[in-house]
C-alpha atoms as a PDB file:
ATOM      1  CA  MET A   1      76.473  43.267   5.374  1.00  0.00           C
ATOM      2  CA  LYS A   2      76.622  43.376   9.160  1.00  0.00           C
ATOM      3  CA  ARG A   3      77.780  40.239  10.838  1.00  0.00           C
ATOM      4  CA  LEU A   4      75.326  38.385  13.016  1.00  0.00           C
ATOM      5  CA  MET A   5      75.307  38.821  16.776  1.00  0.00           C
ATOM      6  CA  ILE A   6      74.031  36.574  19.558  1.00  0.00           C
ATOM      7  CA  SER A   7      74.036  37.777  23.162  1.00  0.00           C
ATOM      8  CA  MET A   8      75.402  36.133  26.303  1.00  0.00           C
ATOM      9  CA  SER A   9      78.704  34.968  24.792  1.00  0.00           C
ATOM     10  CA  VAL A  10      81.630  37.320  25.320  1.00  0.00           C
ATOM     11  CA  ILE A  11      84.017  35.550  22.986  1.00  0.00           C
ATOM     12  CA  ALA A  12      81.405  35.290  20.270  1.00  0.00           C
ATOM     13  CA  LEU A  13      80.523  38.971  20.505  1.00  0.00           C
ATOM     14  CA  VAL A  14      84.161  40.006  20.414  1.00  0.00           C
ATOM     15  CA  MET A  15      84.689  37.799  17.389  1.00  0.00           C
ATOM     16  CA  LEU A  16      82.104  39.776  15.455  1.00  0.00           C
ATOM     17  CA  SER A  17      84.203  42.912  15.737  1.00  0.00           C
ATOM     18  CA  LEU A  18      87.417  41.321  14.528  1.00  0.00           C
ATOM     19  CA  VAL A  19      89.397  43.479  12.164  1.00  0.00           C
ATOM     20  CA  SER A  20      89.673  41.669   8.852  1.00  0.00           C
ATOM     21  CA  CYS A  21      92.991  41.301   7.079  1.00  0.00           C
ATOM     22  CA  ARG A  22      92.400  44.024   4.528  1.00  0.00           C
ATOM     23  CA  ASN A  23      94.705  46.524   2.927  1.00  0.00           C
ATOM     24  CA  LYS A  24      93.576  49.803   4.489  1.00  0.00           C
ATOM     25  CA  LYS A  25      94.828  51.898   1.577  1.00  0.00           C
ATOM     26  CA  SER A  26      93.247  49.991  -1.257  1.00  0.00           C
ATOM     27  CA  GLY A  27      90.426  48.271   0.633  1.00  0.00           C
ATOM     28  CA  THR A  28      91.226  44.986  -1.103  1.00  0.00           C
ATOM     29  CA  ASP A  29      91.764  41.639   0.587  1.00  0.00           C
ATOM     30  CA  LEU A  30      95.327  40.594   1.201  1.00  0.00           C
ATOM     31  CA  LEU A  31      96.427  37.712  -0.987  1.00  0.00           C
ATOM     32  CA  THR A  32      96.035  34.596   1.125  1.00  0.00           C
ATOM     33  CA  PRO A  33      95.536  30.993  -0.025  1.00  0.00           C
ATOM     34  CA  ALA A  34      92.221  29.236   0.364  1.00  0.00           C
ATOM     35  CA  SER A  35      91.828  27.492   3.709  1.00  0.00           C
ATOM     36  CA  SER A  36      91.696  23.717   3.899  1.00  0.00           C
ATOM     37  CA  GLY A  37      89.009  21.597   5.479  1.00  0.00           C
ATOM     38  CA  ARG A  38      85.233  21.421   5.407  1.00  0.00           C
ATOM     39  CA  PRO A  39      82.795  23.687   7.238  1.00  0.00           C
ATOM     40  CA  TYR A  40      82.573  22.946  10.956  1.00  0.00           C
ATOM     41  CA  GLU A  41      85.979  21.269  11.127  1.00  0.00           C
ATOM     42  CA  VAL A  42      88.178  22.386  14.027  1.00  0.00           C
ATOM     43  CA  THR A  43      91.845  21.449  14.331  1.00  0.00           C
ATOM     44  CA  VAL A  44      93.321  21.522  17.844  1.00  0.00           C
ATOM     45  CA  VAL A  45      97.075  22.097  17.968  1.00  0.00           C
ATOM     46  CA  MET A  46      98.308  20.711  21.281  1.00  0.00           C
ATOM     47  CA  ALA A  47     101.270  18.646  22.420  1.00  0.00           C
ATOM     48  CA  ASP A  48     100.596  14.910  22.259  1.00  0.00           C
ATOM     49  CA  SER A  49     101.584  14.669  25.925  1.00  0.00           C
ATOM     50  CA  LEU A  50      98.618  16.890  26.844  1.00  0.00           C
ATOM     51  CA  TRP A  51      95.953  15.680  24.421  1.00  0.00           C
ATOM     52  CA  ASN A  52      94.961  12.633  26.482  1.00  0.00           C
ATOM     53  CA  ARG A  53      95.330  14.466  29.767  1.00  0.00           C
ATOM     54  CA  PRO A  54      92.775  16.835  31.397  1.00  0.00           C
ATOM     55  CA  ALA A  55      93.750  19.782  29.156  1.00  0.00           C
ATOM     56  CA  GLY A  56      93.109  17.888  25.942  1.00  0.00           C
ATOM     57  CA  ARG A  57      90.006  16.154  27.260  1.00  0.00           C
ATOM     58  CA  ALA A  58      88.563  19.547  28.250  1.00  0.00           C
ATOM     59  CA  VAL A  59      88.993  20.930  24.732  1.00  0.00           C
ATOM     60  CA  PHE A  60      87.557  17.781  23.181  1.00  0.00           C
ATOM     61  CA  ALA A  61      84.555  17.828  25.536  1.00  0.00           C
ATOM     62  CA  ALA A  62      83.880  21.492  24.757  1.00  0.00           C
ATOM     63  CA  LEU A  63      83.781  20.831  21.009  1.00  0.00           C
ATOM     64  CA  ASP A  64      82.156  17.396  21.176  1.00  0.00           C
ATOM     65  CA  THR A  65      78.645  18.711  21.804  1.00  0.00           C
ATOM     66  CA  ASP A  66      75.357  18.022  20.046  1.00  0.00           C
ATOM     67  CA  VAL A  67      73.808  20.547  17.700  1.00  0.00           C
ATOM     68  CA  PRO A  68      70.667  21.818  19.465  1.00  0.00           C
ATOM     69  CA  GLY A  69      67.223  21.219  18.012  1.00  0.00           C
ATOM     70  CA  LEU A  70      67.935  18.152  15.865  1.00  0.00           C
ATOM     71  CA  PRO A  71      65.888  14.938  16.041  1.00  0.00           C
ATOM     72  CA  GLN A  72      69.022  12.781  16.229  1.00  0.00           C
ATOM     73  CA  SER A  73      72.405  13.348  17.843  1.00  0.00           C
ATOM     74  CA  GLU A  74      74.814  15.178  15.534  1.00  0.00           C
ATOM     75  CA  ARG A  75      78.114  16.654  16.650  1.00  0.00           C
ATOM     76  CA  SER A  76      78.710  20.389  16.393  1.00  0.00           C
ATOM     77  CA  PHE A  77      82.161  19.929  14.848  1.00  0.00           C
ATOM     78  CA  HIS A  78      84.523  17.476  13.243  1.00  0.00           C
ATOM     79  CA  ILE A  79      87.488  17.499  15.636  1.00  0.00           C
ATOM     80  CA  TYR A  80      91.083  16.893  14.613  1.00  0.00           C
ATOM     81  CA  HIS A  81      94.128  16.879  16.871  1.00  0.00           C
ATOM     82  CA  MET A  82      97.613  17.820  15.745  1.00  0.00           C
ATOM     83  CA  ASP A  83     100.852  17.722  17.713  1.00  0.00           C
ATOM     84  CA  VAL A  84     102.719  21.012  17.938  1.00  0.00           C
ATOM     85  CA  GLN A  85     105.634  19.523  16.006  1.00  0.00           C
ATOM     86  CA  ASP A  86     103.337  18.839  13.038  1.00  0.00           C
ATOM     87  CA  TYR A  87     102.047  22.389  12.894  1.00  0.00           C
ATOM     88  CA  ASP A  88     103.711  23.473   9.646  1.00  0.00           C
ATOM     89  CA  GLN A  89     102.999  25.669   6.628  1.00  0.00           C
ATOM     90  CA  ILE A  90     100.511  23.160   5.229  1.00  0.00           C
ATOM     91  CA  THR A  91      98.532  22.504   8.392  1.00  0.00           C
ATOM     92  CA  LYS A  92      98.436  26.235   9.162  1.00  0.00           C
ATOM     93  CA  LEU A  93      95.960  26.557   6.287  1.00  0.00           C
ATOM     94  CA  SER A  94      93.170  24.886   8.333  1.00  0.00           C
ATOM     95  CA  ARG A  95      89.967  26.952   8.387  1.00  0.00           C
ATOM     96  CA  ASN A  96      89.389  26.683  12.166  1.00  0.00           C
ATOM     97  CA  LEU A  97      92.253  26.347  14.646  1.00  0.00           C
ATOM     98  CA  ILE A  98      92.631  26.174  18.408  1.00  0.00           C
ATOM     99  CA  LEU A  99      96.203  26.734  19.560  1.00  0.00           C
ATOM    100  CA  ALA A 100      96.975  25.572  23.107  1.00  0.00           C
ATOM    101  CA  ASP A 101      99.886  27.656  24.398  1.00  0.00           C
ATOM    102  CA  ILE A 102     100.790  26.486  27.913  1.00  0.00           C
ATOM    103  CA  ASN A 103     103.996  28.056  29.214  1.00  0.00           C
ATOM    104  CA  PRO A 104     104.737  29.037  32.857  1.00  0.00           C
ATOM    105  CA  LYS A 105     107.618  31.263  31.747  1.00  0.00           C
ATOM    106  CA  LEU A 106     105.443  33.447  29.543  1.00  0.00           C
ATOM    107  CA  TYR A 107     102.074  33.628  31.300  1.00  0.00           C
ATOM    108  CA  THR A 108     100.794  34.210  34.817  1.00  0.00           C
ATOM    109  CA  GLN A 109      97.099  33.771  34.041  1.00  0.00           C
ATOM    110  CA  THR A 110      94.937  32.140  31.378  1.00  0.00           C
ATOM    111  CA  LYS A 111      93.591  34.315  28.590  1.00  0.00           C
ATOM    112  CA  TYR A 112      92.649  34.026  24.932  1.00  0.00           C
ATOM    113  CA  LYS A 113      93.484  35.821  21.704  1.00  0.00           C
ATOM    114  CA  TYR A 114      91.912  35.494  18.294  1.00  0.00           C
ATOM    115  CA  ARG A 115      93.119  35.958  14.753  1.00  0.00           C
ATOM    116  CA  ARG A 116      91.283  35.980  11.447  1.00  0.00           C
ATOM    117  CA  ASP A 117      92.605  35.036   7.981  1.00  0.00           C
ATOM    118  CA  VAL A 118      96.246  34.875   9.108  1.00  0.00           C
ATOM    119  CA  TYR A 119      97.556  32.020   6.948  1.00  0.00           C
ATOM    120  CA  SER A 120      94.530  31.349   4.728  1.00  0.00           C
ATOM    121  CA  SER A 121      91.023  32.552   4.017  1.00  0.00           C
ATOM    122  CA  PRO A 122      88.491  32.020   5.427  1.00  0.00           C
ATOM    123  CA  GLN A 123      90.229  31.201   8.686  1.00  0.00           C
ATOM    124  CA  MET A 124      89.569  31.695  12.401  1.00  0.00           C
ATOM    125  CA  ILE A 125      92.187  31.018  15.056  1.00  0.00           C
ATOM    126  CA  LEU A 126      91.533  30.878  18.804  1.00  0.00           C
ATOM    127  CA  ILE A 127      94.712  30.966  20.920  1.00  0.00           C
ATOM    128  CA  ILE A 128      94.423  29.981  24.586  1.00  0.00           C
ATOM    129  CA  GLN A 129      97.461  31.029  26.635  1.00  0.00           C
ATOM    130  CA  SER A 130      97.972  29.633  30.119  1.00  0.00           C
ATOM    131  CA  PRO A 131     100.728  29.175  32.724  1.00  0.00           C
ATOM    132  CA  ASP A 132      99.849  25.541  33.477  1.00  0.00           C
ATOM    133  CA  GLU A 133      97.566  22.656  32.605  1.00  0.00           C
ATOM    134  CA  LYS A 134      95.322  23.085  35.648  1.00  0.00           C
ATOM    135  CA  ASP A 135      94.430  26.698  34.847  1.00  0.00           C
ATOM    136  CA  PHE A 136      94.049  25.877  31.149  1.00  0.00           C
ATOM    137  CA  THR A 137      91.629  23.044  31.913  1.00  0.00           C
ATOM    138  CA  ALA A 138      89.559  25.153  34.310  1.00  0.00           C
ATOM    139  CA  TYR A 139      89.359  27.984  31.784  1.00  0.00           C
ATOM    140  CA  VAL A 140      88.191  25.739  28.951  1.00  0.00           C
ATOM    141  CA  ASN A 141      85.639  24.008  31.188  1.00  0.00           C
ATOM    142  CA  SER A 142      84.123  27.351  32.188  1.00  0.00           C
ATOM    143  CA  HIS A 143      84.010  28.695  28.615  1.00  0.00           C
ATOM    144  CA  LYS A 144      82.623  25.689  26.735  1.00  0.00           C
ATOM    145  CA  ASN A 145      79.598  27.477  25.329  1.00  0.00           C
ATOM    146  CA  ALA A 146      81.637  30.488  24.268  1.00  0.00           C
ATOM    147  CA  ILE A 147      84.124  28.311  22.396  1.00  0.00           C
ATOM    148  CA  VAL A 148      81.315  26.530  20.542  1.00  0.00           C
ATOM    149  CA  ASP A 149      79.673  29.875  19.715  1.00  0.00           C
ATOM    150  CA  PHE A 150      82.988  31.285  18.503  1.00  0.00           C
ATOM    151  CA  PHE A 151      83.442  28.735  15.729  1.00  0.00           C
ATOM    152  CA  THR A 152      79.733  28.286  14.969  1.00  0.00           C
ATOM    153  CA  LEU A 153      79.358  32.012  14.368  1.00  0.00           C
ATOM    154  CA  ALA A 154      82.528  32.057  12.285  1.00  0.00           C
ATOM    155  CA  GLU A 155      81.032  29.457   9.946  1.00  0.00           C
ATOM    156  CA  MET A 156      77.667  31.217   9.825  1.00  0.00           C
ATOM    157  CA  ASN A 157      79.308  34.526   9.005  1.00  0.00           C
ATOM    158  CA  ARG A 158      81.076  32.819   6.107  1.00  0.00           C
ATOM    159  CA  GLU A 159      77.748  31.515   4.848  1.00  0.00           C
ATOM    160  CA  ILE A 160      76.218  34.989   5.219  1.00  0.00           C
ATOM    161  CA  ASP A 161      79.036  36.460   3.143  1.00  0.00           C
ATOM    162  CA  PHE A 162      78.500  33.750   0.518  1.00  0.00           C
ATOM    163  CA  LEU A 163      74.747  34.396   0.408  1.00  0.00           C
ATOM    164  CA  LYS A 164      75.370  38.065  -0.218  1.00  0.00           C
ATOM    165  CA  GLU A 165      76.679  37.173  -3.676  1.00  0.00           C
ATOM    166  CA  HIS A 166      74.905  33.843  -4.251  1.00  0.00           C
ATOM    167  CA  HIS A 167      71.222  34.002  -3.370  1.00  0.00           C
ATOM    168  CA  ASN A 168      67.916  33.471  -5.127  1.00  0.00           C
ATOM    169  CA  LYS A 169      67.078  36.911  -6.476  1.00  0.00           C
ATOM    170  CA  ASN A 170      63.596  35.827  -7.516  1.00  0.00           C
ATOM    171  CA  ILE A 171      62.700  35.038  -3.913  1.00  0.00           C
ATOM    172  CA  SER A 172      64.306  38.280  -2.747  1.00  0.00           C
ATOM    173  CA  ASP A 173      62.107  40.198  -5.178  1.00  0.00           C
ATOM    174  CA  LYS A 174      58.964  38.419  -4.004  1.00  0.00           C
ATOM    175  CA  VAL A 175      59.822  39.064  -0.345  1.00  0.00           C
ATOM    176  CA  LYS A 176      60.391  42.720  -1.157  1.00  0.00           C
ATOM    177  CA  LYS A 177      57.044  42.966  -2.934  1.00  0.00           C
ATOM    178  CA  MET A 178      55.045  41.062  -0.299  1.00  0.00           C
ATOM    179  CA  PHE A 179      56.666  42.205   2.946  1.00  0.00           C
ATOM    180  CA  GLY A 180      58.788  45.230   2.068  1.00  0.00           C
ATOM    181  CA  CYS A 181      61.830  43.374   3.444  1.00  0.00           C
ATOM    182  CA  ASP A 182      65.096  42.101   2.042  1.00  0.00           C
ATOM    183  CA  ILE A 183      66.567  38.651   2.643  1.00  0.00           C
ATOM    184  CA  ASN A 184      69.104  36.362   0.985  1.00  0.00           C
ATOM    185  CA  ILE A 185      68.024  32.727   0.549  1.00  0.00           C
ATOM    186  CA  PRO A 186      70.166  29.920  -0.931  1.00  0.00           C
ATOM    187  CA  GLU A 187      69.966  29.745  -4.715  1.00  0.00           C
ATOM    188  CA  GLU A 188      68.831  26.114  -4.748  1.00  0.00           C
ATOM    189  CA  LEU A 189      65.435  26.985  -3.208  1.00  0.00           C
ATOM    190  CA  ARG A 190      63.431  27.503  -6.392  1.00  0.00           C
ATOM    191  CA  SER A 191      59.949  26.102  -5.712  1.00  0.00           C
ATOM    192  CA  ILE A 192      57.677  28.853  -4.363  1.00  0.00           C
ATOM    193  CA  LYS A 193      54.174  28.949  -2.889  1.00  0.00           C
ATOM    194  CA  ILE A 194      52.378  32.176  -1.940  1.00  0.00           C
ATOM    195  CA  GLY A 195      49.608  32.542   0.639  1.00  0.00           C
ATOM    196  CA  LYS A 196      48.034  35.374   2.612  1.00  0.00           C
ATOM    197  CA  ASP A 197      50.916  37.137   4.357  1.00  0.00           C
ATOM    198  CA  PHE A 198      52.874  33.939   3.770  1.00  0.00           C
ATOM    199  CA  LEU A 199      55.673  32.756   1.475  1.00  0.00           C
ATOM    200  CA  TRP A 200      57.187  29.269   1.262  1.00  0.00           C
ATOM    201  CA  ALA A 201      60.239  28.379  -0.818  1.00  0.00           C
ATOM    202  CA  SER A 202      61.757  24.928  -1.093  1.00  0.00           C
ATOM    203  CA  THR A 203      64.392  22.877  -2.891  1.00  0.00           C
ATOM    204  CA  ASN A 204      61.572  20.349  -3.353  1.00  0.00           C
ATOM    205  CA  THR A 205      63.980  17.444  -3.665  1.00  0.00           C
ATOM    206  CA  GLY A 206      62.194  14.981  -1.387  1.00  0.00           C
ATOM    207  CA  THR A 207      65.483  14.242   0.397  1.00  0.00           C
ATOM    208  CA  ALA A 208      67.953  16.640   1.992  1.00  0.00           C
ATOM    209  CA  ASP A 209      65.206  19.197   1.390  1.00  0.00           C
ATOM    210  CA  MET A 210      65.777  22.788   2.578  1.00  0.00           C
ATOM    211  CA  ASN A 211      62.809  25.100   3.113  1.00  0.00           C
ATOM    212  CA  PHE A 212      62.206  28.757   3.896  1.00  0.00           C
ATOM    213  CA  ALA A 213      58.983  30.234   5.254  1.00  0.00           C
ATOM    214  CA  MET A 214      58.085  33.845   5.970  1.00  0.00           C
ATOM    215  CA  TYR A 215      54.923  35.267   7.459  1.00  0.00           C
ATOM    216  CA  SER A 216      53.706  38.303   9.384  1.00  0.00           C
ATOM    217  CA  TYR A 217      50.947  39.249  11.810  1.00  0.00           C
ATOM    218  CA  PRO A 218      50.020  42.317  13.919  1.00  0.00           C
ATOM    219  CA  TYR A 219      52.199  43.177  16.899  1.00  0.00           C
ATOM    220  CA  ILE A 220      49.972  43.531  19.960  1.00  0.00           C
ATOM    221  CA  SER A 221      52.241  43.589  23.009  1.00  0.00           C
ATOM    222  CA  ASN A 222      55.317  41.988  24.550  1.00  0.00           C
ATOM    223  CA  GLU A 223      53.106  38.989  25.282  1.00  0.00           C
ATOM    224  CA  THR A 224      53.516  38.232  21.594  1.00  0.00           C
ATOM    225  CA  PHE A 225      57.027  37.028  22.337  1.00  0.00           C
ATOM    226  CA  THR A 226      56.276  33.955  24.399  1.00  0.00           C
ATOM    227  CA  LYS A 227      56.743  30.325  23.540  1.00  0.00           C
ATOM    228  CA  ASP A 228      53.037  29.515  23.595  1.00  0.00           C
ATOM    229  CA  TYR A 229      52.047  32.504  21.463  1.00  0.00           C
ATOM    230  CA  PHE A 230      54.738  31.681  18.937  1.00  0.00           C
ATOM    231  CA  ILE A 231      53.641  28.051  18.623  1.00  0.00           C
ATOM    232  CA  ALA A 232      49.987  29.033  18.214  1.00  0.00           C
ATOM    233  CA  LYS A 233      50.805  31.507  15.445  1.00  0.00           C
ATOM    234  CA  ARG A 234      53.200  29.147  13.698  1.00  0.00           C
ATOM    235  CA  ASP A 235      50.693  26.312  13.692  1.00  0.00           C
ATOM    236  CA  SER A 236      47.921  28.540  12.357  1.00  0.00           C
ATOM    237  CA  PHE A 237      50.038  29.605   9.358  1.00  0.00           C
ATOM    238  CA  MET A 238      51.516  26.190   8.634  1.00  0.00           C
ATOM    239  CA  LYS A 239      48.195  24.340   8.823  1.00  0.00           C
ATOM    240  CA  VAL A 240      46.736  26.535   6.101  1.00  0.00           C
ATOM    241  CA  ASN A 241      49.778  26.890   3.883  1.00  0.00           C
ATOM    242  CA  ILE A 242      51.730  23.629   4.152  1.00  0.00           C
ATOM    243  CA  PRO A 243      49.284  20.738   3.811  1.00  0.00           C
ATOM    244  CA  GLY A 244      50.221  17.097   3.356  1.00  0.00           C
ATOM    245  CA  GLU A 245      49.237  14.648   0.642  1.00  0.00           C
ATOM    246  CA  LYS A 246      45.818  13.974   2.179  1.00  0.00           C
ATOM    247  CA  PRO A 247      43.186  16.440   3.470  1.00  0.00           C
ATOM    248  CA  ASN A 248      43.824  15.640   7.157  1.00  0.00           C
ATOM    249  CA  MET A 249      47.603  16.107   6.842  1.00  0.00           C
ATOM    250  CA  TYR A 250      49.321  19.405   7.653  1.00  0.00           C
ATOM    251  CA  MET A 251      52.476  20.738   9.241  1.00  0.00           C
ATOM    252  CA  ALA A 252      52.449  21.263  13.010  1.00  0.00           C
ATOM    253  CA  THR A 253      54.944  22.091  15.742  1.00  0.00           C
ATOM    254  CA  ASP A 254      56.113  19.342  18.075  1.00  0.00           C
ATOM    255  CA  THR A 255      55.395  21.235  21.292  1.00  0.00           C
ATOM    256  CA  ASN A 256      57.607  18.914  23.349  1.00  0.00           C
ATOM    257  CA  PHE A 257      60.722  20.026  21.507  1.00  0.00           C
ATOM    258  CA  VAL A 258      60.700  23.810  21.197  1.00  0.00           C
ATOM    259  CA  ASP A 259      63.139  26.223  22.839  1.00  0.00           C
ATOM    260  CA  VAL A 260      62.967  29.994  22.574  1.00  0.00           C
ATOM    261  CA  LYS A 261      65.473  32.648  23.568  1.00  0.00           C
ATOM    262  CA  ASN A 262      66.199  36.327  23.049  1.00  0.00           C
ATOM    263  CA  ILE A 263      68.866  37.253  20.530  1.00  0.00           C
ATOM    264  CA  VAL A 264      70.178  40.434  18.926  1.00  0.00           C
ATOM    265  CA  VAL A 265      70.228  40.762  15.148  1.00  0.00           C
ATOM    266  CA  LYS A 266      71.622  43.941  13.589  1.00  0.00           C
ATOM    267  CA  ASN A 267      71.368  45.727  16.937  1.00  0.00           C
ATOM    268  CA  ALA A 268      67.663  44.926  17.303  1.00  0.00           C
ATOM    269  CA  TYR A 269      65.721  42.431  19.395  1.00  0.00           C
ATOM    270  CA  ALA A 270      64.517  39.152  17.929  1.00  0.00           C
ATOM    271  CA  MET A 271      63.222  35.905  19.379  1.00  0.00           C
ATOM    272  CA  GLU A 272      64.818  32.703  18.219  1.00  0.00           C
ATOM    273  CA  ALA A 273      62.751  29.512  18.252  1.00  0.00           C
ATOM    274  CA  ARG A 274      64.353  26.169  17.625  1.00  0.00           C
ATOM    275  CA  GLY A 275      62.740  22.748  17.613  1.00  0.00           C
ATOM    276  CA  LEU A 276      61.004  20.034  15.633  1.00  0.00           C
ATOM    277  CA  TRP A 277      58.100  20.042  13.189  1.00  0.00           C
ATOM    278  CA  GLU A 278      55.912  17.107  12.190  1.00  0.00           C
ATOM    279  CA  MET A 279      53.268  16.370   9.599  1.00  0.00           C
ATOM    280  CA  GLU A 280      50.012  15.530  11.339  1.00  0.00           C
ATOM    281  CA  HIS A 281      48.721  12.052  10.411  1.00  0.00           C
ATOM    282  CA  ASP A 282      51.930  11.318   8.493  1.00  0.00           C
ATOM    283  CA  MET A 283      55.470  10.171   9.267  1.00  0.00           C
ATOM    284  CA  MET A 284      57.256  13.286   8.001  1.00  0.00           C
ATOM    285  CA  GLY A 285      59.171  15.607  10.311  1.00  0.00           C
ATOM    286  CA  GLY A 286      62.421  17.420  10.943  1.00  0.00           C
ATOM    287  CA  PRO A 287      64.118  20.412  12.591  1.00  0.00           C
ATOM    288  CA  PHE A 288      63.319  24.103  12.229  1.00  0.00           C
ATOM    289  CA  VAL A 289      64.763  27.406  13.421  1.00  0.00           C
ATOM    290  CA  SER A 290      63.048  30.780  13.223  1.00  0.00           C
ATOM    291  CA  HIS A 291      63.511  34.459  14.062  1.00  0.00           C
ATOM    292  CA  SER A 292      60.596  36.679  15.091  1.00  0.00           C
ATOM    293  CA  SER A 293      61.239  40.424  14.804  1.00  0.00           C
ATOM    294  CA  VAL A 294      59.195  43.577  15.241  1.00  0.00           C
ATOM    295  CA  ASP A 295      58.619  45.758  12.194  1.00  0.00           C
ATOM    296  CA  THR A 296      57.883  49.019  14.030  1.00  0.00           C
ATOM    297  CA  VAL A 297      57.159  50.868  10.797  1.00  0.00           C
ATOM    298  CA  ASN A 298      54.168  48.641  10.088  1.00  0.00           C
ATOM    299  CA  ASN A 299      53.458  47.561  13.691  1.00  0.00           C
ATOM    300  CA  ARG A 300      53.739  43.882  12.898  1.00  0.00           C
ATOM    301  CA  VAL A 301      55.781  40.799  13.739  1.00  0.00           C
ATOM    302  CA  VAL A 302      57.822  39.357  10.888  1.00  0.00           C
ATOM    303  CA  VAL A 303      58.830  35.696  11.175  1.00  0.00           C
ATOM    304  CA  VAL A 304      61.449  34.034   9.002  1.00  0.00           C
ATOM    305  CA  GLU A 305      62.049  30.310   9.329  1.00  0.00           C
ATOM    306  CA  GLY A 306      64.240  27.617   7.908  1.00  0.00           C
ATOM    307  CA  PHE A 307      63.194  23.994   8.156  1.00  0.00           C
ATOM    308  CA  VAL A 308      64.614  20.758   6.812  1.00  0.00           C
ATOM    309  CA  TYR A 309      63.246  17.420   5.688  1.00  0.00           C
ATOM    310  CA  ALA A 310      66.111  14.964   5.379  1.00  0.00           C
ATOM    311  CA  PRO A 311      65.132  11.432   6.451  1.00  0.00           C
ATOM    312  CA  GLU A 312      68.107   9.162   7.125  1.00  0.00           C
ATOM    313  CA  THR A 313      70.473  12.034   6.294  1.00  0.00           C
ATOM    314  CA  ARG A 314      72.570  14.289   8.510  1.00  0.00           C
ATOM    315  CA  LYS A 315      70.822  17.593   9.013  1.00  0.00           C
ATOM    316  CA  ARG A 316      73.413  19.788  10.739  1.00  0.00           C
ATOM    317  CA  ASP A 317      74.828  21.567   7.699  1.00  0.00           C
ATOM    318  CA  LEU A 318      71.406  21.924   6.053  1.00  0.00           C
ATOM    319  CA  ILE A 319      69.724  23.596   9.027  1.00  0.00           C
ATOM    320  CA  ARG A 320      72.755  25.779   9.725  1.00  0.00           C
ATOM    321  CA  LYS A 321      72.769  26.955   6.127  1.00  0.00           C
ATOM    322  CA  MET A 322      69.139  27.956   6.445  1.00  0.00           C
ATOM    323  CA  GLU A 323      69.779  29.549   9.826  1.00  0.00           C
ATOM    324  CA  ALA A 324      72.502  31.745   8.353  1.00  0.00           C
ATOM    325  CA  SER A 325      70.036  33.077   5.789  1.00  0.00           C
ATOM    326  CA  LEU A 326      67.705  34.238   8.576  1.00  0.00           C
ATOM    327  CA  TYR A 327      70.354  36.690   9.770  1.00  0.00           C
ATOM    328  CA  THR A 328      70.304  38.442   6.398  1.00  0.00           C
ATOM    329  CA  LEU A 329      66.756  39.729   6.973  1.00  0.00           C
ATOM    330  CA  GLN A 330      66.535  43.478   6.545  1.00  0.00           C
ATOM    331  CA  LEU A 331      63.310  44.985   7.884  1.00  0.00           C
ATOM    332  CA  PRO A 332      61.845  48.167   6.386  1.00  0.00           C
ATOM    333  CA  ILE A 333      64.083  51.166   6.991  1.00  0.00           C
ATOM    334  CA  GLY A 334      63.302  52.662  10.377  1.00  0.00           C
ATOM    335  CA  SER A 335      62.186  49.457  12.080  1.00  0.00           C
ATOM    336  CA  GLN A 336      65.515  48.835  13.756  1.00  0.00           C
ATOM    337  CA  LYS A 337      65.646  52.277  15.332  1.00  0.00           C
ATOM    338  CA  SER A 338      63.093  51.077  17.848  1.00  0.00           C
ATOM    339  CA  SER A 339      62.988  47.870  19.831  1.00  0.00           C
ATOM    340  CA  VAL A 340      60.630  46.006  22.077  1.00  0.00           C
ATOM    341  CA  SER A 341      61.028  46.844  25.772  1.00  0.00           C
ATOM    342  CA  LYS A 342      62.945  44.609  28.131  1.00  0.00           C
ATOM    343  CA  ALA A 343      59.931  42.523  28.988  1.00  0.00           C
ATOM    344  CA  HIS A 344      61.458  39.806  26.812  1.00  0.00           C
ATOM    345  CA  ASN A 345      62.247  37.761  29.910  1.00  0.00           C
ATOM    346  CA  LYS A 346      58.661  36.527  29.694  1.00  0.00           C
ATOM    347  CA  ASN A 347      59.851  33.926  27.196  1.00  0.00           C
ATOM    348  CA  LYS A 348      59.081  30.527  28.647  1.00  0.00           C
END
């Protein structure tokens, strides 16, 4: 399965082309131990003398960002610091590592390197080499978004790989029958509702609830890919297909908290929308993320969305798990040979 790609981040794009640690003759994975740590944990290996100085504060500030599109503040990563002297065979097993290598004798300018599955698997290592603290700090400050993307995409790619082998095949079959597409959705989404050009699957737990929605409509022009058009279409589908407990209750988009941007998925254009949903005339709500793509074979827009209902519960890992599944969408063969023209800058 191709790894996901998001534009406008050089480090993140380079990461996607990393050569995996595989035996080229046999094609099998090299024997490496399982990495330690939870998803979205990042361990920073840096001398104690630098951690509380500008260099360390720059790395911490880059990682200590909020996940976009959530109703409450949640950090992008769990951050751990480790002194260089403590970086041993055990701690080298961490799943995500930043190695700060500041040495005026070895380097004349700041640059980065990356390694994958060196000491454990899955593992991603970002090495920042610099001649001095000032250059290191400036480099990190100017590449904050790229550093966040680097590790976020690493975790999502791991989830994509997991979904390849562990997904709900029943939903995949229904998506194939209804839309002629393929997609891998987490196994725990087992409750399904079918509508006209619409499918909704849910864990239906009432708490920490993950949901997937898919719908399609005719592609008219590039004007289709605007924030307002997206919201109007989303609301029209959700109002009909996701009602509340009472007749006047239905899902709607919180128009004050929606961001859209252009992304690239499997070498084809898509529009990402990220924001909040709410249940009209009820207190329910939560975050959502969606991808809108053009199926050129059938001249239609295909939208896949993940949304979460998790009151009083952290939502970061839930929404990111659903977001990873969106990247597994495979449109009908032939759709990705064409793309919408570059009028995508009309997103607003």
